[in-house]
All heavy atoms as atom14 arrays in JSON, in Angstrom:
{
  "sequence": "LTFESFKKECLSNGKPIDAKKAFDGLRRLQKRFEDAFNGPKT",
  "atom14_mask": [
    [1, 1, 1, 1, 1, 1, 1, 1, 0, 0, 0, 0, 0, 0],
    [1, 1, 1, 1, 1, 1, 1, 0, 0, 0, 0, 0, 0, 0],
    [1, 1, 1, 1, 1, 1, 1, 1, 1, 1, 1, 0, 0, 0],
    [1, 1, 1, 1, 1, 1, 1, 1, 1, 0, 0, 0, 0, 0],
    [1, 1, 1, 1, 1, 1, 0, 0, 0, 0, 0, 0, 0, 0],
    [1, 1, 1, 1, 1, 1, 1, 1, 1, 1, 1, 0, 0, 0],
    [1, 1, 1, 1, 1, 1, 1, 1, 1, 0, 0, 0, 0, 0],
    [1, 1, 1, 1, 1, 1, 1, 1, 1, 0, 0, 0, 0, 0],
    [1, 1, 1, 1, 1, 1, 1, 1, 1, 0, 0, 0, 0, 0],
    [1, 1, 1, 1, 1, 1, 0, 0, 0, 0, 0, 0, 0, 0],
    [1, 1, 1, 1, 1, 1, 1, 1, 0, 0, 0, 0, 0, 0],
    [1, 1, 1, 1, 1, 1, 0, 0, 0, 0, 0, 0, 0, 0],
    [1, 1, 1, 1, 1, 1, 1, 1, 0, 0, 0, 0, 0, 0],
    [1, 1, 1, 1, 0, 0, 0, 0, 0, 0, 0, 0, 0, 0],
    [1, 1, 1, 1, 1, 1, 1, 1, 1, 0, 0, 0, 0, 0],
    [1, 1, 1, 1, 1, 1, 1, 0, 0, 0, 0, 0, 0, 0],
    [1, 1, 1, 1, 1, 1, 1, 1, 0, 0, 0, 0, 0, 0],
    [1, 1, 1, 1, 1, 1, 1, 1, 0, 0, 0, 0, 0, 0],
    [1, 1, 1, 1, 1, 0, 0, 0, 0, 0, 0, 0, 0, 0],
    [1, 1, 1, 1, 1, 1, 1, 1, 1, 0, 0, 0, 0, 0],
    [1, 1, 1, 1, 1, 1, 1, 1, 1, 0, 0, 0, 0, 0],
    [1, 1, 1, 1, 1, 0, 0, 0, 0, 0, 0, 0, 0, 0],
    [1, 1, 1, 1, 1, 1, 1, 1, 1, 1, 1, 0, 0, 0],
    [1, 1, 1, 1, 1, 1, 1, 1, 0, 0, 0, 0, 0, 0],
    [1, 1, 1, 1, 0, 0, 0, 0, 0, 0, 0, 0, 0, 0],
    [1, 1, 1, 1, 1, 1, 1, 1, 0, 0, 0, 0, 0, 0],
    [1, 1, 1, 1, 1, 1, 1, 1, 1, 1, 1, 0, 0, 0],
    [1, 1, 1, 1, 1, 1, 1, 1, 1, 1, 1, 0, 0, 0],
    [1, 1, 1, 1, 1, 1, 1, 1, 0, 0, 0, 0, 0, 0],
    [1, 1, 1, 1, 1, 1, 1, 1, 1, 0, 0, 0, 0, 0],
    [1, 1, 1, 1, 1, 1, 1, 1, 1, 0, 0, 0, 0, 0],
    [1, 1, 1, 1, 1, 1, 1, 1, 1, 1, 1, 0, 0, 0],
    [1, 1, 1, 1, 1, 1, 1, 1, 1, 1, 1, 0, 0, 0],
    [1, 1, 1, 1, 1, 1, 1, 1, 1, 0, 0, 0, 0, 0],
    [1, 1, 1, 1, 1, 1, 1, 1, 0, 0, 0, 0, 0, 0],
    [1, 1, 1, 1, 1, 0, 0, 0, 0, 0, 0, 0, 0, 0],
    [1, 1, 1, 1, 1, 1, 1, 1, 1, 1, 1, 0, 0, 0],
    [1, 1, 1, 1, 1, 1, 1, 1, 0, 0, 0, 0, 0, 0],
    [1, 1, 1, 1, 0, 0, 0, 0, 0, 0, 0, 0, 0, 0],
    [1, 1, 1, 1, 1, 1, 1, 0, 0, 0, 0, 0, 0, 0],
    [1, 1, 1, 1, 1, 1, 1, 1, 1, 0, 0, 0, 0, 0],
    [1, 1, 1, 1, 1, 1, 1, 0, 0, 0, 0, 0, 0, 0]
  ],
  "atom14_positions": [
    [[8.79, 5.98, 8.12], [7.6, 6.47, 7.44], [7.33, 7.93, 7.77], [7.08, 8.28, 8.92], [6.38, 5.62, 7.82], [5.04, 6.11, 7.25], [5.04, 5.99, 5.73], [3.88, 5.33, 7.84], [0.0, 0.0, 0.0], [0.0, 0.0, 0.0], [0.0, 0.0, 0.0], [0.0, 0.0, 0.0], [0.0, 0.0, 0.0], [0.0, 0.0, 0.0]],
    [[7.4, 8.77, 6.76], [6.97, 10.16, 6.84], [6.27, 10.47, 5.53], [6.36, 9.7, 4.57], [8.15, 11.14, 7.01], [8.99, 11.04, 5.84], [8.97, 10.82, 8.24], [0.0, 0.0, 0.0], [0.0, 0.0, 0.0], [0.0, 0.0, 0.0], [0.0, 0.0, 0.0], [0.0, 0.0, 0.0], [0.0, 0.0, 0.0], [0.0, 0.0, 0.0]],
    [[5.58, 11.59, 5.49], [4.95, 11.97, 4.24], [6.0, 12.13, 3.14], [5.82, 11.69, 2.0], [4.16, 13.28, 4.4], [3.67, 13.84, 3.09], [2.56, 13.31, 2.47], [4.34, 14.9, 2.48], [2.12, 13.8, 1.25], [3.9, 15.4, 1.27], [2.78, 14.86, 0.66], [0.0, 0.0, 0.0], [0.0, 0.0, 0.0], [0.0, 0.0, 0.0]],
    [[7.12, 12.78, 3.5], [8.16, 13.03, 2.51], [8.74, 11.73, 1.96], [8.95, 11.6, 0.74], [9.28, 13.88, 3.12], [8.87, 15.3, 3.48], [8.32, 15.41, 4.89], [7.97, 14.36, 5.47], [8.24, 16.54, 5.41], [0.0, 0.0, 0.0], [0.0, 0.0, 0.0], [0.0, 0.0, 0.0], [0.0, 0.0, 0.0], [0.0, 0.0, 0.0]],
    [[9.01, 10.75, 2.86], [9.61, 9.5, 2.4], [8.62, 8.7, 1.55], [9.0, 8.1, 0.54], [10.08, 8.66, 3.59], [9.01, 8.28, 4.41], [0.0, 0.0, 0.0], [0.0, 0.0, 0.0], [0.0, 0.0, 0.0], [0.0, 0.0, 0.0], [0.0, 0.0, 0.0], [0.0, 0.0, 0.0], [0.0, 0.0, 0.0], [0.0, 0.0, 0.0]],
    [[7.35, 8.7, 1.93], [6.34, 7.97, 1.15], [6.19, 8.61, -0.23], [6.1, 7.92, -1.25], [5.0, 7.98, 1.87], [3.97, 7.09, 1.22], [3.83, 5.77, 1.62], [3.13, 7.57, 0.23], [2.89, 4.94, 1.02], [2.19, 6.76, -0.38], [2.07, 5.44, 0.02], [0.0, 0.0, 0.0], [0.0, 0.0, 0.0], [0.0, 0.0, 0.0]],
    [[6.17, 9.94, -0.25], [6.02, 10.64, -1.52], [7.2, 10.35, -2.44], [7.03, 10.11, -3.64], [5.89, 12.14, -1.26], [5.59, 12.96, -2.52], [5.38, 14.42, -2.17], [5.07, 15.24, -3.42], [4.89, 16.68, -3.11], [0.0, 0.0, 0.0], [0.0, 0.0, 0.0], [0.0, 0.0, 0.0], [0.0, 0.0, 0.0], [0.0, 0.0, 0.0]],
    [[8.42, 10.35, -1.89], [9.61, 10.09, -2.69], [9.6, 8.67, -3.25], [9.94, 8.45, -4.42], [10.86, 10.31, -1.84], [12.16, 10.09, -2.61], [13.37, 10.31, -1.74], [13.57, 9.13, -0.8], [14.84, 9.22, -0.04], [0.0, 0.0, 0.0], [0.0, 0.0, 0.0], [0.0, 0.0, 0.0], [0.0, 0.0, 0.0], [0.0, 0.0, 0.0]],
    [[9.21, 7.69, -2.43], [9.28, 6.3, -2.84], [8.08, 5.85, -3.68], [8.22, 5.0, -4.55], [9.38, 5.4, -1.59], [10.64, 5.59, -0.78], [11.88, 5.08, -1.49], [11.74, 4.24, -2.41], [12.99, 5.53, -1.15], [0.0, 0.0, 0.0], [0.0, 0.0, 0.0], [0.0, 0.0, 0.0], [0.0, 0.0, 0.0], [0.0, 0.0, 0.0]],
    [[6.9, 6.4, -3.4], [5.68, 5.84, -4.0], [4.9, 6.83, -4.87], [4.03, 6.4, -5.65], [4.75, 5.33, -2.89], [5.55, 4.19, -1.75], [0.0, 0.0, 0.0], [0.0, 0.0, 0.0], [0.0, 0.0, 0.0], [0.0, 0.0, 0.0], [0.0, 0.0, 0.0], [0.0, 0.0, 0.0], [0.0, 0.0, 0.0], [0.0, 0.0, 0.0]],
    [[5.14, 8.14, -4.73], [4.38, 9.12, -5.5], [5.31, 10.11, -6.17], [5.0, 11.29, -6.31], [3.4, 9.86, -4.57], [2.43, 9.02, -3.75], [1.71, 9.88, -2.72], [1.42, 8.32, -4.64], [0.0, 0.0, 0.0], [0.0, 0.0, 0.0], [0.0, 0.0, 0.0], [0.0, 0.0, 0.0], [0.0, 0.0, 0.0], [0.0, 0.0, 0.0]],
    [[6.47, 9.63, -6.59], [7.54, 10.53, -7.02], [7.2, 11.37, -8.24], [7.69, 12.48, -8.39], [8.82, 9.72, -7.29], [8.56, 8.72, -8.28], [0.0, 0.0, 0.0], [0.0, 0.0, 0.0], [0.0, 0.0, 0.0], [0.0, 0.0, 0.0], [0.0, 0.0, 0.0], [0.0, 0.0, 0.0], [0.0, 0.0, 0.0], [0.0, 0.0, 0.0]],
    [[6.36, 10.85, -9.15], [6.03, 11.6, -10.36], [4.86, 12.55, -10.19], [4.59, 13.39, -11.05], [5.72, 10.63, -11.52], [6.94, 9.8, -11.9], [8.05, 10.33, -11.96], [6.74, 8.52, -12.14], [0.0, 0.0, 0.0], [0.0, 0.0, 0.0], [0.0, 0.0, 0.0], [0.0, 0.0, 0.0], [0.0, 0.0, 0.0], [0.0, 0.0, 0.0]],
    [[4.14, 12.41, -9.07], [3.01, 13.3, -8.8], [1.88, 13.19, -9.8], [1.19, 14.17, -10.08], [0.0, 0.0, 0.0], [0.0, 0.0, 0.0], [0.0, 0.0, 0.0], [0.0, 0.0, 0.0], [0.0, 0.0, 0.0], [0.0, 0.0, 0.0], [0.0, 0.0, 0.0], [0.0, 0.0, 0.0], [0.0, 0.0, 0.0], [0.0, 0.0, 0.0]],
    [[1.66, 11.99, -10.32], [0.61, 11.78, -11.32], [-0.47, 10.85, -10.77], [-0.21, 10.05, -9.85], [1.19, 11.2, -12.61], [2.14, 12.15, -13.32], [2.6, 11.56, -14.64], [3.51, 12.55, -15.37], [2.81, 13.79, -15.73], [0.0, 0.0, 0.0], [0.0, 0.0, 0.0], [0.0, 0.0, 0.0], [0.0, 0.0, 0.0], [0.0, 0.0, 0.0]],
    [[-1.69, 10.92, -11.33], [-2.78, 10.05, -10.86], [-2.42, 8.57, -10.89], [-2.81, 7.82, -10.0], [-3.91, 10.37, -11.84], [-3.66, 11.77, -12.27], [-2.17, 11.89, -12.33], [0.0, 0.0, 0.0], [0.0, 0.0, 0.0], [0.0, 0.0, 0.0], [0.0, 0.0, 0.0], [0.0, 0.0, 0.0], [0.0, 0.0, 0.0], [0.0, 0.0, 0.0]],
    [[-1.65, 8.14, -11.9], [-1.31, 6.72, -12.0], [-0.47, 6.28, -10.81], [-0.58, 5.13, -10.34], [-0.56, 6.43, -13.33], [-0.4, 4.92, -13.54], [0.76, 7.15, -13.38], [-1.69, 4.17, -13.7], [0.0, 0.0, 0.0], [0.0, 0.0, 0.0], [0.0, 0.0, 0.0], [0.0, 0.0, 0.0], [0.0, 0.0, 0.0], [0.0, 0.0, 0.0]],
    [[0.38, 7.18, -10.27], [1.17, 6.85, -9.08], [0.27, 6.58, -7.89], [0.46, 5.61, -7.15], [2.12, 8.0, -8.73], [3.19, 8.22, -9.79], [3.54, 7.24, -10.46], [3.66, 9.35, -9.95], [0.0, 0.0, 0.0], [0.0, 0.0, 0.0], [0.0, 0.0, 0.0], [0.0, 0.0, 0.0], [0.0, 0.0, 0.0], [0.0, 0.0, 0.0]],
    [[-0.73, 7.45, -7.7], [-1.66, 7.3, -6.58], [-2.47, 6.01, -6.72], [-2.7, 5.3, -5.74], [-2.57, 8.51, -6.5], [0.0, 0.0, 0.0], [0.0, 0.0, 0.0], [0.0, 0.0, 0.0], [0.0, 0.0, 0.0], [0.0, 0.0, 0.0], [0.0, 0.0, 0.0], [0.0, 0.0, 0.0], [0.0, 0.0, 0.0], [0.0, 0.0, 0.0]],
    [[-2.9, 5.72, -7.94], [-3.71, 4.52, -8.15], [-2.9, 3.24, -7.92], [-3.4, 2.27, -7.35], [-4.3, 4.55, -9.56], [-5.35, 5.65, -9.73], [-5.77, 5.84, -11.17], [-6.75, 7.02, -11.3], [-7.12, 7.29, -12.7], [0.0, 0.0, 0.0], [0.0, 0.0, 0.0], [0.0, 0.0, 0.0], [0.0, 0.0, 0.0], [0.0, 0.0, 0.0]],
    [[-1.64, 3.26, -8.35], [-0.77, 2.1, -8.11], [-0.52, 1.93, -6.61], [-0.54, 0.81, -6.09], [0.56, 2.28, -8.84], [0.49, 2.03, -10.34], [1.87, 2.19, -10.97], [1.83, 1.89, -12.47], [3.16, 2.08, -13.1], [0.0, 0.0, 0.0], [0.0, 0.0, 0.0], [0.0, 0.0, 0.0], [0.0, 0.0, 0.0], [0.0, 0.0, 0.0]],
    [[-0.27, 3.04, -5.92], [-0.02, 2.97, -4.48], [-1.24, 2.45, -3.74], [-1.14, 1.61, -2.86], [0.38, 4.35, -3.95], [0.0, 0.0, 0.0], [0.0, 0.0, 0.0], [0.0, 0.0, 0.0], [0.0, 0.0, 0.0], [0.0, 0.0, 0.0], [0.0, 0.0, 0.0], [0.0, 0.0, 0.0], [0.0, 0.0, 0.0], [0.0, 0.0, 0.0]],
    [[-2.41, 2.95, -4.13], [-3.62, 2.52, -3.44], [-3.9, 1.04, -3.71], [-4.3, 0.3, -2.8], [-4.82, 3.37, -3.87], [-5.95, 3.33, -2.87], [-6.0, 4.23, -1.82], [-6.95, 2.37, -2.96], [-7.02, 4.18, -0.89], [-7.97, 2.32, -2.04], [-8.0, 3.24, -0.99], [0.0, 0.0, 0.0], [0.0, 0.0, 0.0], [0.0, 0.0, 0.0]],
    [[-3.68, 0.61, -4.95], [-3.89, -0.8, -5.27], [-2.91, -1.68, -4.48], [-3.29, -2.75, -3.97], [-3.7, -1.03, -6.77], [-3.97, -2.48, -7.17], [-5.13, -2.93, -7.0], [-3.04, -3.16, -7.64], [0.0, 0.0, 0.0], [0.0, 0.0, 0.0], [0.0, 0.0, 0.0], [0.0, 0.0, 0.0], [0.0, 0.0, 0.0], [0.0, 0.0, 0.0]],
    [[-1.67, -1.22, -4.34], [-0.69, -1.96, -3.55], [-1.09, -2.04, -2.09], [-0.95, -3.09, -1.44], [0.0, 0.0, 0.0], [0.0, 0.0, 0.0], [0.0, 0.0, 0.0], [0.0, 0.0, 0.0], [0.0, 0.0, 0.0], [0.0, 0.0, 0.0], [0.0, 0.0, 0.0], [0.0, 0.0, 0.0], [0.0, 0.0, 0.0], [0.0, 0.0, 0.0]],
    [[-1.58, -0.94, -1.54], [-2.06, -0.93, -0.15], [-3.26, -1.86, 0.02], [-3.38, -2.56, 1.03], [-2.43, 0.49, 0.26], [-1.25, 1.46, 0.46], [-1.75, 2.89, 0.54], [-0.48, 1.09, 1.72], [0.0, 0.0, 0.0], [0.0, 0.0, 0.0], [0.0, 0.0, 0.0], [0.0, 0.0, 0.0], [0.0, 0.0, 0.0], [0.0, 0.0, 0.0]],
    [[-4.15, -1.86, -0.96], [-5.33, -2.73, -0.9], [-4.92, -4.21, -0.86], [-5.44, -5.0, -0.06], [-6.23, -2.47, -2.1], [-7.48, -3.36, -2.13], [-8.22, -3.21, -3.43], [-8.88, -1.92, -3.54], [-8.69, -1.06, -4.53], [-7.82, -1.34, -5.49], [-9.35, 0.08, -4.57], [0.0, 0.0, 0.0], [0.0, 0.0, 0.0], [0.0, 0.0, 0.0]],
    [[-3.96, -4.6, -1.7], [-3.5, -5.98, -1.75], [-2.79, -6.37, -0.44], [-2.97, -7.48, 0.07], [-2.56, -6.19, -2.94], [-3.25, -6.08, -4.29], [-2.22, -6.08, -5.43], [-2.84, -5.86, -6.71], [-3.33, -6.83, -7.48], [-3.27, -8.1, -7.07], [-3.89, -6.54, -8.64], [0.0, 0.0, 0.0], [0.0, 0.0, 0.0], [0.0, 0.0, 0.0]],
    [[-2.0, -5.43, 0.08], [-1.3, -5.69, 1.34], [-2.28, -5.82, 2.49], [-2.15, -6.71, 3.34], [-0.3, -4.57, 1.61], [0.54, -4.69, 2.89], [1.33, -5.99, 2.91], [1.47, -3.49, 3.01], [0.0, 0.0, 0.0], [0.0, 0.0, 0.0], [0.0, 0.0, 0.0], [0.0, 0.0, 0.0], [0.0, 0.0, 0.0], [0.0, 0.0, 0.0]],
    [[-3.29, -4.95, 2.53], [-4.32, -5.03, 3.57], [-5.01, -6.38, 3.54], [-5.29, -6.98, 4.58], [-5.33, -3.9, 3.39], [-6.51, -3.94, 4.36], [-6.12, -3.69, 5.8], [-5.04, -3.16, 6.09], [-6.98, -4.06, 6.74], [0.0, 0.0, 0.0], [0.0, 0.0, 0.0], [0.0, 0.0, 0.0], [0.0, 0.0, 0.0], [0.0, 0.0, 0.0]],
    [[-5.28, -6.91, 2.34], [-5.94, -8.22, 2.22], [-5.05, -9.32, 2.8], [-5.55, -10.25, 3.44], [-6.28, -8.53, 0.77], [-7.14, -9.78, 0.6], [-7.56, -10.02, -0.82], [-8.56, -11.18, -0.92], [-8.1, -12.41, -0.29], [0.0, 0.0, 0.0], [0.0, 0.0, 0.0], [0.0, 0.0, 0.0], [0.0, 0.0, 0.0], [0.0, 0.0, 0.0]],
    [[-3.73, -9.22, 2.59], [-2.83, -10.22, 3.15], [-2.87, -10.18, 4.68], [-2.86, -11.23, 5.34], [-1.39, -10.0, 2.65], [-1.21, -10.33, 1.18], [0.25, -10.59, 0.84], [1.07, -9.4, 0.86], [1.17, -8.55, -0.16], [0.49, -8.76, -1.28], [1.95, -7.49, -0.07], [0.0, 0.0, 0.0], [0.0, 0.0, 0.0], [0.0, 0.0, 0.0]],
    [[-2.9, -8.96, 5.24], [-3.02, -8.85, 6.7], [-4.34, -9.47, 7.18], [-4.36, -10.23, 8.16], [-2.96, -7.39, 7.14], [-1.57, -6.84, 7.27], [-1.1, -5.83, 6.44], [-0.71, -7.32, 8.26], [0.19, -5.32, 6.56], [0.57, -6.82, 8.41], [1.02, -5.81, 7.55], [0.0, 0.0, 0.0], [0.0, 0.0, 0.0], [0.0, 0.0, 0.0]],
    [[-5.43, -9.15, 6.52], [-6.73, -9.65, 6.95], [-6.85, -11.16, 6.77], [-7.42, -11.85, 7.63], [-7.84, -8.92, 6.19], [-7.96, -7.44, 6.56], [-9.11, -6.75, 5.87], [-10.0, -7.44, 5.33], [-9.13, -5.49, 5.86], [0.0, 0.0, 0.0], [0.0, 0.0, 0.0], [0.0, 0.0, 0.0], [0.0, 0.0, 0.0], [0.0, 0.0, 0.0]],
    [[-6.32, -11.7, 5.65], [-6.37, -13.14, 5.43], [-5.59, -13.88, 6.51], [-6.04, -14.92, 7.02], [-5.81, -13.48, 4.05], [-6.76, -13.12, 2.92], [-7.93, -12.82, 3.21], [-6.31, -13.11, 1.75], [0.0, 0.0, 0.0], [0.0, 0.0, 0.0], [0.0, 0.0, 0.0], [0.0, 0.0, 0.0], [0.0, 0.0, 0.0], [0.0, 0.0, 0.0]],
    [[-4.41, -13.37, 6.85], [-3.6, -14.0, 7.89], [-4.3, -13.94, 9.24], [-4.26, -14.9, 10.02], [-2.24, -13.32, 7.97], [0.0, 0.0, 0.0], [0.0, 0.0, 0.0], [0.0, 0.0, 0.0], [0.0, 0.0, 0.0], [0.0, 0.0, 0.0], [0.0, 0.0, 0.0], [0.0, 0.0, 0.0], [0.0, 0.0, 0.0], [0.0, 0.0, 0.0]],
    [[-4.96, -12.83, 9.49], [-5.66, -12.65, 10.77], [-6.87, -13.56, 10.88], [-7.2, -14.07, 11.96], [-6.08, -11.19, 10.92], [-6.79, -10.88, 12.2], [-6.08, -10.65, 13.38], [-8.18, -10.82, 12.26], [-6.72, -10.37, 14.57], [-8.83, -10.54, 13.44], [-8.1, -10.31, 14.6], [0.0, 0.0, 0.0], [0.0, 0.0, 0.0], [0.0, 0.0, 0.0]],
    [[-7.56, -13.79, 9.77], [-8.8, -14.57, 9.8], [-8.58, -16.07, 9.84], [-9.51, -16.83, 10.11], [-9.66, -14.21, 8.58], [-10.19, -12.79, 8.63], [-10.37, -12.24, 9.72], [-10.41, -12.17, 7.49], [0.0, 0.0, 0.0], [0.0, 0.0, 0.0], [0.0, 0.0, 0.0], [0.0, 0.0, 0.0], [0.0, 0.0, 0.0], [0.0, 0.0, 0.0]],
    [[-7.37, -16.54, 9.55], [-7.08, -17.97, 9.65], [-6.53, -18.31, 11.02], [-5.46, -17.81, 11.39], [0.0, 0.0, 0.0], [0.0, 0.0, 0.0], [0.0, 0.0, 0.0], [0.0, 0.0, 0.0], [0.0, 0.0, 0.0], [0.0, 0.0, 0.0], [0.0, 0.0, 0.0], [0.0, 0.0, 0.0], [0.0, 0.0, 0.0], [0.0, 0.0, 0.0]],
    [[-7.21, -19.13, 11.82], [-6.77, -19.4, 13.19], [-5.31, -19.85, 13.29], [-4.58, -19.41, 14.18], [-7.72, -20.51, 13.65], [-8.95, -20.31, 12.83], [-8.47, -19.83, 11.49], [0.0, 0.0, 0.0], [0.0, 0.0, 0.0], [0.0, 0.0, 0.0], [0.0, 0.0, 0.0], [0.0, 0.0, 0.0], [0.0, 0.0, 0.0], [0.0, 0.0, 0.0]],
    [[-4.86, -20.69, 12.36], [-3.5, -21.2, 12.43], [-2.49, -20.1, 12.17], [-1.56, -19.88, 12.97], [-3.33, -22.33, 11.42], [-2.02, -23.11, 11.58], [-1.89, -24.19, 10.52], [-2.96, -25.25, 10.69], [-2.77, -26.36, 9.7], [0.0, 0.0, 0.0], [0.0, 0.0, 0.0], [0.0, 0.0, 0.0], [0.0, 0.0, 0.0], [0.0, 0.0, 0.0]],
    [[-2.64, -19.39, 11.05], [-1.68, -18.33, 10.73], [-1.77, -17.18, 11.72], [-0.75, -16.59, 12.09], [-1.93, -17.78, 9.3], [-3.3, -17.37, 9.17], [-1.63, -18.84, 8.26], [0.0, 0.0, 0.0], [0.0, 0.0, 0.0], [0.0, 0.0, 0.0], [0.0, 0.0, 0.0], [0.0, 0.0, 0.0], [0.0, 0.0, 0.0], [0.0, 0.0, 0.0]]
  ]
}
């Protein structure tokens, strides 16, 4: 993970839609982390 690698993989076109897709993906991933953390078994 570096700024350059993230930009190449996730923001390659440099457009607002790229940023919005990346942020939505991060939001969904964060929820998976939090859901797993909040369930005692998982």
